[in-house]
Protein backbone atom coordinates (compact mmCIF):
# COMPACT_ATOMS: atom_id res chain seq x y z
CA UNK A 1 50.99 116.10 -29.15
CA UNK A 2 53.15 116.19 -32.25
CA UNK A 3 54.97 112.99 -31.31
CA UNK A 4 51.73 111.05 -30.82
CA UNK A 5 50.42 112.28 -34.16
CA UNK A 6 53.65 111.23 -35.89
CA UNK A 7 53.37 107.73 -34.36
CA UNK A 8 49.77 107.42 -35.36
CA UNK A 9 50.60 108.51 -38.92
CA UNK A 10 53.38 105.89 -39.11
CA UNK A 11 56.11 108.46 -39.59
CA UNK A 12 58.03 107.32 -36.48
CA UNK A 13 57.80 104.55 -33.92
CA UNK A 14 54.70 102.50 -33.33
CA UNK A 15 51.83 101.88 -31.01
CA UNK A 16 51.96 98.12 -31.76
CA UNK A 17 55.09 97.21 -29.80
CA UNK A 18 57.05 93.98 -30.17
CA UNK A 19 54.45 91.31 -29.33
CA UNK A 20 53.93 90.32 -32.96
CA UNK A 21 57.66 89.78 -33.37
CA UNK A 22 57.86 87.59 -30.27
CA UNK A 23 54.88 85.54 -31.43
CA UNK A 24 56.39 85.08 -34.91
CA UNK A 25 59.81 84.15 -33.47
CA UNK A 26 58.21 81.53 -31.20
CA UNK A 27 56.35 79.96 -34.12
CA UNK A 28 59.55 79.83 -36.22
CA UNK A 29 61.77 78.22 -33.53
CA UNK A 30 62.64 74.58 -34.14
CA UNK A 31 64.01 72.06 -31.60
CA UNK A 32 67.71 72.55 -30.96
CA UNK A 33 67.69 76.28 -32.02
CA UNK A 34 67.37 79.32 -29.78
CA UNK A 35 67.69 83.07 -30.21
CA UNK A 36 70.34 84.97 -28.32
CA UNK A 37 69.47 88.46 -29.56
CA UNK A 38 67.89 90.55 -32.27
CA UNK A 39 67.67 94.14 -33.48
CA UNK A 40 64.49 95.75 -34.68
CA UNK A 41 64.53 99.01 -36.65
CA UNK A 42 62.53 102.17 -36.18
CA UNK A 43 59.62 100.97 -38.36
CA UNK A 44 59.45 97.48 -36.92
CA UNK A 45 61.68 95.86 -39.50
CA UNK A 46 64.07 93.18 -38.31
CA UNK A 47 67.64 94.17 -38.91
CA UNK A 48 69.64 91.33 -37.39
CA UNK A 49 69.05 88.07 -35.49
CA UNK A 50 71.56 86.00 -33.59
CA UNK A 51 71.14 82.51 -32.18
CA UNK A 52 72.57 79.08 -31.49
CA UNK A 53 71.88 75.63 -32.85
CA UNK A 54 72.82 72.16 -31.73
CA UNK A 55 73.42 70.91 -35.29
CA UNK A 56 74.36 72.34 -38.69
CA UNK A 57 70.78 71.92 -40.03
CA UNK A 58 69.23 74.00 -37.28
CA UNK A 59 69.88 77.49 -38.67
CA UNK A 60 68.48 76.55 -42.05
CA UNK A 61 65.33 75.04 -40.47
CA UNK A 62 64.90 78.19 -38.38
CA UNK A 63 65.35 80.38 -41.48
CA UNK A 64 62.68 78.40 -43.28
CA UNK A 65 60.33 78.90 -40.28
CA UNK A 66 60.98 82.67 -40.36
CA UNK A 67 60.10 82.88 -44.04
CA UNK A 68 56.79 81.18 -43.33
CA UNK A 69 55.69 83.86 -40.86
CA UNK A 70 53.28 86.45 -42.34
CA UNK A 71 54.97 89.24 -40.33
CA UNK A 72 58.26 88.61 -42.11
CA UNK A 73 56.90 88.25 -45.68
CA UNK A 74 58.83 90.53 -47.99
CA UNK A 75 62.05 90.31 -46.01
CA UNK A 76 65.12 88.64 -47.38
CA UNK A 77 67.26 86.88 -44.80
CA UNK A 78 70.91 85.97 -45.32
CA UNK A 79 73.49 84.35 -43.06
CA UNK A 80 76.25 86.72 -42.02
CA UNK A 81 78.07 84.26 -39.84
CA UNK A 82 77.98 80.61 -38.74
CA UNK A 83 80.73 79.47 -36.39
CA UNK A 84 81.32 76.80 -33.76
CA UNK A 85 80.79 77.98 -30.22
CA UNK A 86 80.81 76.50 -26.72
CA UNK A 87 83.81 74.24 -27.29
CA UNK A 88 82.11 72.80 -30.38
CA UNK A 89 78.85 71.95 -28.55
CA UNK A 90 76.77 74.29 -30.71
CA UNK A 91 76.87 76.70 -33.65
CA UNK A 92 76.54 80.43 -33.29
CA UNK A 93 74.76 82.08 -36.21
CA UNK A 94 73.81 85.60 -37.27
CA UNK A 95 71.14 86.50 -39.80
CA UNK A 96 70.75 89.79 -41.63
CA UNK A 97 67.34 90.88 -42.88
CA UNK A 98 66.80 93.26 -45.79
CA UNK A 99 63.73 94.65 -47.45
CA UNK A 100 60.42 95.92 -46.20
CA UNK A 101 58.02 93.52 -44.44
CA UNK A 102 54.70 93.16 -46.27
CA UNK A 103 52.85 93.20 -42.92
CA UNK A 104 53.77 96.52 -41.40
CA UNK A 105 54.35 96.26 -37.63
CA UNK A 106 56.30 99.29 -36.63
CA UNK A 107 58.18 99.58 -33.33
CA UNK A 108 60.79 101.89 -31.84
CA UNK A 109 64.38 101.11 -32.71
CA UNK A 110 65.68 98.68 -30.15
CA UNK A 111 67.95 95.77 -29.49
CA UNK A 112 66.77 92.95 -27.28
CA UNK A 113 68.96 90.27 -25.72
CA UNK A 114 67.13 87.52 -23.79
């Protein structure tokens, strides 16, 4: 079909799915930090990540871990928001990603909230 040919050519969507993203996220996670959601664009690029951390160093350690993942090479991450949550028990943070990943792993546009 035309749709399958477009996916195979890389014009839309992907046949690779999200498993590479989940593996890279799991390798980047540090103790005291967890993801609460993320958005992945039509070509597999990460658009936005949100999470929580038990201390103020957690988001920076997580960001460092993301930058070490081959799947995310070429992306530039920046903090959009860091705020106290849960009656001050943790920090909520949101990261924005820009650029094109060097390792192309396309996937359909989606938002996932664990």
